[in-house]
Amino acid sequence: MNERGGGTNGARYGGSVSDLWKATDPGVLCLPSGRLVRGRGLRRPLPPGPTPHYALYLLGARPPEVPWDARWLRWPDFRLPSSPAQARSLLGEAWARAADGRVEIACGGGVGRTGTALACLAVLDGVPADRAVEFVRRNYHPRAVETPWQKRYVRRFTA
């Protein structure tokens, strides 16, 4: 990753629909607009199938290098992003890229921080902020968004 936290390929991917995730792929969340985003835990092996075009890694320390375009958002486990402004920008970028590419959101376990980020993407996609946690729990993982402050962060997140 470079100093911005990105991989070596900074170009936006312009793929076709057949290049996107499938709604049945492991960890894939289908947003109301039809955008597909994969959430996962980095402590588990990479799922079989295609790799991301773009990833946003939510970790307290810099993640290892990956061969796809990636950004790092400093976000310690069980906490909130260290920079709300950077979080807002990177989540917006992930949501926009999901329109025509395979986007992955990941933290260590793939539940708390990843669930919180996915809920914020759901808000950007039109889900009311007070219903986004329920949406992600129903469609991604039943324990997504683990802490009261993560739930509050989503409720206060605006499109």
C-alpha atoms as a PDB file:
ATOM      1  CA  MET A   1       0.000   0.000   0.000  1.00  0.00           C
ATOM      2  CA  ASN A   2       1.186   3.477  -0.716  1.00  0.00           C
ATOM      3  CA  GLU A   3       1.129   6.362   1.776  1.00  0.00           C
ATOM      4  CA  ARG A   4      -2.538   7.054   0.973  1.00  0.00           C
ATOM      5  CA  GLY A   5      -3.218   3.469   1.949  1.00  0.00           C
ATOM      6  CA  GLY A   6      -3.883   2.342  -1.590  1.00  0.00           C
ATOM      7  CA  GLY A   7      -2.498  -0.434  -3.699  1.00  0.00           C
ATOM      8  CA  THR A   8      -0.518   0.083  -6.856  1.00  0.00           C
ATOM      9  CA  ASN A   9      -3.523   0.327  -9.176  1.00  0.00           C
ATOM     10  CA  GLY A  10      -5.157   3.701  -8.578  1.00  0.00           C
ATOM     11  CA  ALA A  11      -7.432   3.597 -11.632  1.00  0.00           C
ATOM     12  CA  ARG A  12     -11.131   3.117 -11.114  1.00  0.00           C
ATOM     13  CA  TYR A  13     -12.365  -0.177 -12.442  1.00  0.00           C
ATOM     14  CA  GLY A  14     -14.933   0.036 -15.212  1.00  0.00           C
ATOM     15  CA  GLY A  15     -16.161  -3.529 -15.499  1.00  0.00           C
ATOM     16  CA  SER A  16     -19.337  -5.097 -16.758  1.00  0.00           C
ATOM     17  CA  VAL A  17     -22.127  -6.575 -14.664  1.00  0.00           C
ATOM     18  CA  SER A  18     -20.623 -10.025 -15.179  1.00  0.00           C
ATOM     19  CA  ASP A  19     -17.467  -8.762 -13.418  1.00  0.00           C
ATOM     20  CA  LEU A  20     -19.324  -8.012 -10.186  1.00  0.00           C
ATOM     21  CA  TRP A  21     -19.854 -10.210  -7.131  1.00  0.00           C
ATOM     22  CA  LYS A  22     -22.772 -12.609  -7.175  1.00  0.00           C
ATOM     23  CA  ALA A  23     -25.384 -12.069  -4.465  1.00  0.00           C
ATOM     24  CA  THR A  24     -24.777 -15.685  -3.400  1.00  0.00           C
ATOM     25  CA  ASP A  25     -20.993 -15.237  -2.936  1.00  0.00           C
ATOM     26  CA  PRO A  26     -19.837 -15.595   0.703  1.00  0.00           C
ATOM     27  CA  GLY A  27     -20.236 -12.367   2.686  1.00  0.00           C
ATOM     28  CA  VAL A  28     -21.866 -10.377  -0.111  1.00  0.00           C
ATOM     29  CA  LEU A  29     -24.439  -7.766   0.921  1.00  0.00           C
ATOM     30  CA  CYS A  30     -26.930  -6.618  -1.697  1.00  0.00           C
ATOM     31  CA  LEU A  31     -27.820  -2.958  -1.115  1.00  0.00           C
ATOM     32  CA  PRO A  32     -31.278  -1.666  -2.121  1.00  0.00           C
ATOM     33  CA  SER A  33     -29.865  -0.136  -5.321  1.00  0.00           C
ATOM     34  CA  GLY A  34     -28.532  -3.536  -6.370  1.00  0.00           C
ATOM     35  CA  ARG A  35     -24.917  -2.665  -5.578  1.00  0.00           C
ATOM     36  CA  LEU A  36     -23.080  -5.682  -4.166  1.00  0.00           C
ATOM     37  CA  VAL A  37     -20.395  -5.288  -1.492  1.00  0.00           C
ATOM     38  CA  ARG A  38     -18.481  -8.104   0.173  1.00  0.00           C
ATOM     39  CA  GLY A  39     -17.749  -7.983   3.874  1.00  0.00           C
ATOM     40  CA  ARG A  40     -15.213 -10.321   5.413  1.00  0.00           C
ATOM     41  CA  GLY A  41     -12.873 -10.997   8.282  1.00  0.00           C
ATOM     42  CA  LEU A  42      -9.191 -10.736   7.459  1.00  0.00           C
ATOM     43  CA  ARG A  43      -8.310 -13.387  10.043  1.00  0.00           C
ATOM     44  CA  ARG A  44     -10.008 -15.946   7.791  1.00  0.00           C
ATOM     45  CA  PRO A  45      -8.667 -17.159   4.440  1.00  0.00           C
ATOM     46  CA  LEU A  46      -9.596 -15.276   1.304  1.00  0.00           C
ATOM     47  CA  PRO A  47     -12.913 -16.718   0.029  1.00  0.00           C
ATOM     48  CA  PRO A  48     -12.814 -18.740  -3.192  1.00  0.00           C
ATOM     49  CA  GLY A  49     -13.686 -16.985  -6.393  1.00  0.00           C
ATOM     50  CA  PRO A  50     -12.829 -13.579  -7.787  1.00  0.00           C
ATOM     51  CA  THR A  51     -10.743 -11.075  -5.854  1.00  0.00           C
ATOM     52  CA  PRO A  52     -11.815  -7.487  -5.178  1.00  0.00           C
ATOM     53  CA  HIS A  53     -11.143  -4.631  -7.545  1.00  0.00           C
ATOM     54  CA  TYR A  54     -11.108  -2.303  -4.514  1.00  0.00           C
ATOM     55  CA  ALA A  55     -11.002  -2.882  -0.775  1.00  0.00           C
ATOM     56  CA  LEU A  56     -11.368  -0.759   2.333  1.00  0.00           C
ATOM     57  CA  TYR A  57      -9.571  -2.233   5.345  1.00  0.00           C
ATOM     58  CA  LEU A  58     -10.736  -1.136   8.789  1.00  0.00           C
ATOM     59  CA  LEU A  59      -7.882  -1.899  11.168  1.00  0.00           C
ATOM     60  CA  GLY A  60      -5.931  -0.331  14.021  1.00  0.00           C
ATOM     61  CA  ALA A  61      -2.640  -1.035  12.199  1.00  0.00           C
ATOM     62  CA  ARG A  62      -1.645  -0.917   8.541  1.00  0.00           C
ATOM     63  CA  PRO A  63      -2.804  -4.054   6.663  1.00  0.00           C
ATOM     64  CA  PRO A  64      -0.470  -6.139   4.523  1.00  0.00           C
ATOM     65  CA  GLU A  65      -0.025  -5.382   0.832  1.00  0.00           C
ATOM     66  CA  VAL A  66      -2.607  -6.791  -1.564  1.00  0.00           C
ATOM     67  CA  PRO A  67      -2.517  -6.988  -5.386  1.00  0.00           C
ATOM     68  CA  TRP A  68      -5.743  -4.949  -5.798  1.00  0.00           C
ATOM     69  CA  ASP A  69      -6.496  -1.294  -5.146  1.00  0.00           C
ATOM     70  CA  ALA A  70      -6.992  -0.821  -1.417  1.00  0.00           C
ATOM     71  CA  ARG A  71      -7.306   1.869   1.221  1.00  0.00           C
ATOM     72  CA  TRP A  72      -6.707   1.683   4.946  1.00  0.00           C
ATOM     73  CA  LEU A  73      -8.908   3.430   7.478  1.00  0.00           C
ATOM     74  CA  ARG A  74      -7.447   3.459  10.984  1.00  0.00           C
ATOM     75  CA  TRP A  75     -10.260   1.932  13.044  1.00  0.00           C
ATOM     76  CA  PRO A  76      -9.271   0.078  16.236  1.00  0.00           C
ATOM     77  CA  ASP A  77     -11.234  -3.038  17.192  1.00  0.00           C
ATOM     78  CA  PHE A  78     -14.516  -2.350  19.047  1.00  0.00           C
ATOM     79  CA  ARG A  79     -14.106   1.387  18.495  1.00  0.00           C
ATOM     80  CA  LEU A  80     -14.928   4.041  15.910  1.00  0.00           C
ATOM     81  CA  PRO A  81     -12.844   5.392  13.016  1.00  0.00           C
ATOM     82  CA  SER A  82      -9.918   7.547  14.148  1.00  0.00           C
ATOM     83  CA  SER A  83     -10.882  10.186  11.566  1.00  0.00           C
ATOM     84  CA  PRO A  84     -14.610  10.627  10.920  1.00  0.00           C
ATOM     85  CA  ALA A  85     -13.881  12.851   7.917  1.00  0.00           C
ATOM     86  CA  GLN A  86     -11.596  10.251   6.336  1.00  0.00           C
ATOM     87  CA  ALA A  87     -14.168   7.541   7.128  1.00  0.00           C
ATOM     88  CA  ARG A  88     -16.878   9.542   5.394  1.00  0.00           C
ATOM     89  CA  SER A  89     -14.707  10.043   2.316  1.00  0.00           C
ATOM     90  CA  LEU A  90     -13.532   6.424   2.058  1.00  0.00           C
ATOM     91  CA  LEU A  91     -17.008   4.988   2.646  1.00  0.00           C
ATOM     92  CA  GLY A  92     -18.341   7.281  -0.082  1.00  0.00           C
ATOM     93  CA  GLU A  93     -15.598   6.074  -2.413  1.00  0.00           C
ATOM     94  CA  ALA A  94     -16.393   2.420  -1.630  1.00  0.00           C
ATOM     95  CA  TRP A  95     -20.106   2.988  -2.268  1.00  0.00           C
ATOM     96  CA  ALA A  96     -19.406   4.732  -5.585  1.00  0.00           C
ATOM     97  CA  ARG A  97     -16.988   2.014  -6.745  1.00  0.00           C
ATOM     98  CA  ALA A  98     -19.515  -0.713  -5.936  1.00  0.00           C
ATOM     99  CA  ALA A  99     -21.622   0.548  -8.864  1.00  0.00           C
ATOM    100  CA  ASP A 100     -19.239  -1.055 -11.363  1.00  0.00           C
ATOM    101  CA  GLY A 101     -16.666  -3.101  -9.487  1.00  0.00           C
ATOM    102  CA  ARG A 102     -16.072  -5.725  -6.815  1.00  0.00           C
ATOM    103  CA  VAL A 103     -15.735  -3.849  -3.521  1.00  0.00           C
ATOM    104  CA  GLU A 104     -14.691  -5.494  -0.281  1.00  0.00           C
ATOM    105  CA  ILE A 105     -14.994  -4.041   3.229  1.00  0.00           C
ATOM    106  CA  ALA A 106     -13.013  -5.934   5.856  1.00  0.00           C
ATOM    107  CA  CYS A 107     -11.743  -5.826   9.427  1.00  0.00           C
ATOM    108  CA  GLY A 108     -10.198  -8.514  11.615  1.00  0.00           C
ATOM    109  CA  GLY A 109     -13.334 -10.509  12.360  1.00  0.00           C
ATOM    110  CA  GLY A 110     -15.683  -9.151   9.697  1.00  0.00           C
ATOM    111  CA  VAL A 111     -18.530  -8.336  12.094  1.00  0.00           C
ATOM    112  CA  GLY A 112     -18.259  -5.150  14.186  1.00  0.00           C
ATOM    113  CA  ARG A 113     -16.292  -2.608  12.161  1.00  0.00           C
ATOM    114  CA  THR A 114     -17.216  -4.249   8.852  1.00  0.00           C
ATOM    115  CA  GLY A 115     -20.886  -4.353   9.846  1.00  0.00           C
ATOM    116  CA  THR A 116     -20.753  -0.701  10.914  1.00  0.00           C
ATOM    117  CA  ALA A 117     -19.184   0.307   7.585  1.00  0.00           C
ATOM    118  CA  LEU A 118     -21.713  -1.765   5.630  1.00  0.00           C
ATOM    119  CA  ALA A 119     -24.536  -0.094   7.564  1.00  0.00           C
ATOM    120  CA  CYS A 120     -23.098   3.304   6.594  1.00  0.00           C
ATOM    121  CA  LEU A 121     -23.010   2.178   2.949  1.00  0.00           C
ATOM    122  CA  ALA A 122     -26.659   1.174   3.328  1.00  0.00           C
ATOM    123  CA  VAL A 123     -27.420   4.727   4.512  1.00  0.00           C
ATOM    124  CA  LEU A 124     -25.602   6.124   1.474  1.00  0.00           C
ATOM    125  CA  ASP A 125     -27.728   3.750  -0.613  1.00  0.00           C
ATOM    126  CA  GLY A 126     -31.001   5.092   0.797  1.00  0.00           C
ATOM    127  CA  VAL A 127     -31.714   2.985   3.893  1.00  0.00           C
ATOM    128  CA  PRO A 128     -32.852   5.281   6.735  1.00  0.00           C
ATOM    129  CA  ALA A 129     -30.047   5.602   9.301  1.00  0.00           C
ATOM    130  CA  ASP A 130     -32.295   4.342  12.118  1.00  0.00           C
ATOM    131  CA  ARG A 131     -32.938   1.104  10.148  1.00  0.00           C
ATOM    132  CA  ALA A 132     -29.482   0.476   8.663  1.00  0.00           C
ATOM    133  CA  VAL A 133     -28.182  -1.723  11.502  1.00  0.00           C
ATOM    134  CA  GLU A 134     -31.247  -3.966  11.246  1.00  0.00           C
ATOM    135  CA  PHE A 135     -30.817  -4.100   7.454  1.00  0.00           C
ATOM    136  CA  VAL A 136     -27.186  -5.254   7.738  1.00  0.00           C
ATOM    137  CA  ARG A 137     -27.972  -7.748  10.509  1.00  0.00           C
ATOM    138  CA  ARG A 138     -30.746  -9.269   8.425  1.00  0.00           C
ATOM    139  CA  ASN A 139     -28.814  -9.356   5.151  1.00  0.00           C
ATOM    140  CA  TYR A 140     -25.146  -9.741   6.144  1.00  0.00           C
ATOM    141  CA  HIS A 141     -24.530 -11.016   9.693  1.00  0.00           C
ATOM    142  CA  PRO A 142     -26.886 -11.250  12.705  1.00  0.00           C
ATOM    143  CA  ARG A 143     -24.272  -9.750  15.076  1.00  0.00           C
ATOM    144  CA  ALA A 144     -23.046  -6.969  12.756  1.00  0.00           C
ATOM    145  CA  VAL A 145     -22.395  -3.615  14.469  1.00  0.00           C
ATOM    146  CA  GLU A 146     -21.270  -4.877  17.863  1.00  0.00           C
ATOM    147  CA  THR A 147     -21.108  -1.927  20.257  1.00  0.00           C
ATOM    148  CA  PRO A 148     -23.571   0.758  21.373  1.00  0.00           C
ATOM    149  CA  TRP A 149     -21.250   3.496  20.037  1.00  0.00           C
ATOM    150  CA  GLN A 150     -21.040   1.763  16.641  1.00  0.00           C
ATOM    151  CA  LYS A 151     -24.856   1.679  16.526  1.00  0.00           C
ATOM    152  CA  ARG A 152     -24.955   5.391  17.455  1.00  0.00           C
ATOM    153  CA  TYR A 153     -22.356   6.153  14.751  1.00  0.00           C
ATOM    154  CA  VAL A 154     -24.619   4.560  12.118  1.00  0.00           C
ATOM    155  CA  ARG A 155     -27.749   6.350  13.426  1.00  0.00           C
ATOM    156  CA  ARG A 156     -25.899   9.690  13.088  1.00  0.00           C
ATOM    157  CA  PHE A 157     -24.416   8.883   9.681  1.00  0.00           C
ATOM    158  CA  THR A 158     -26.112  10.835   6.898  1.00  0.00           C
ATOM    159  CA  ALA A 159     -26.257  10.323   3.145  1.00  0.00           C
END
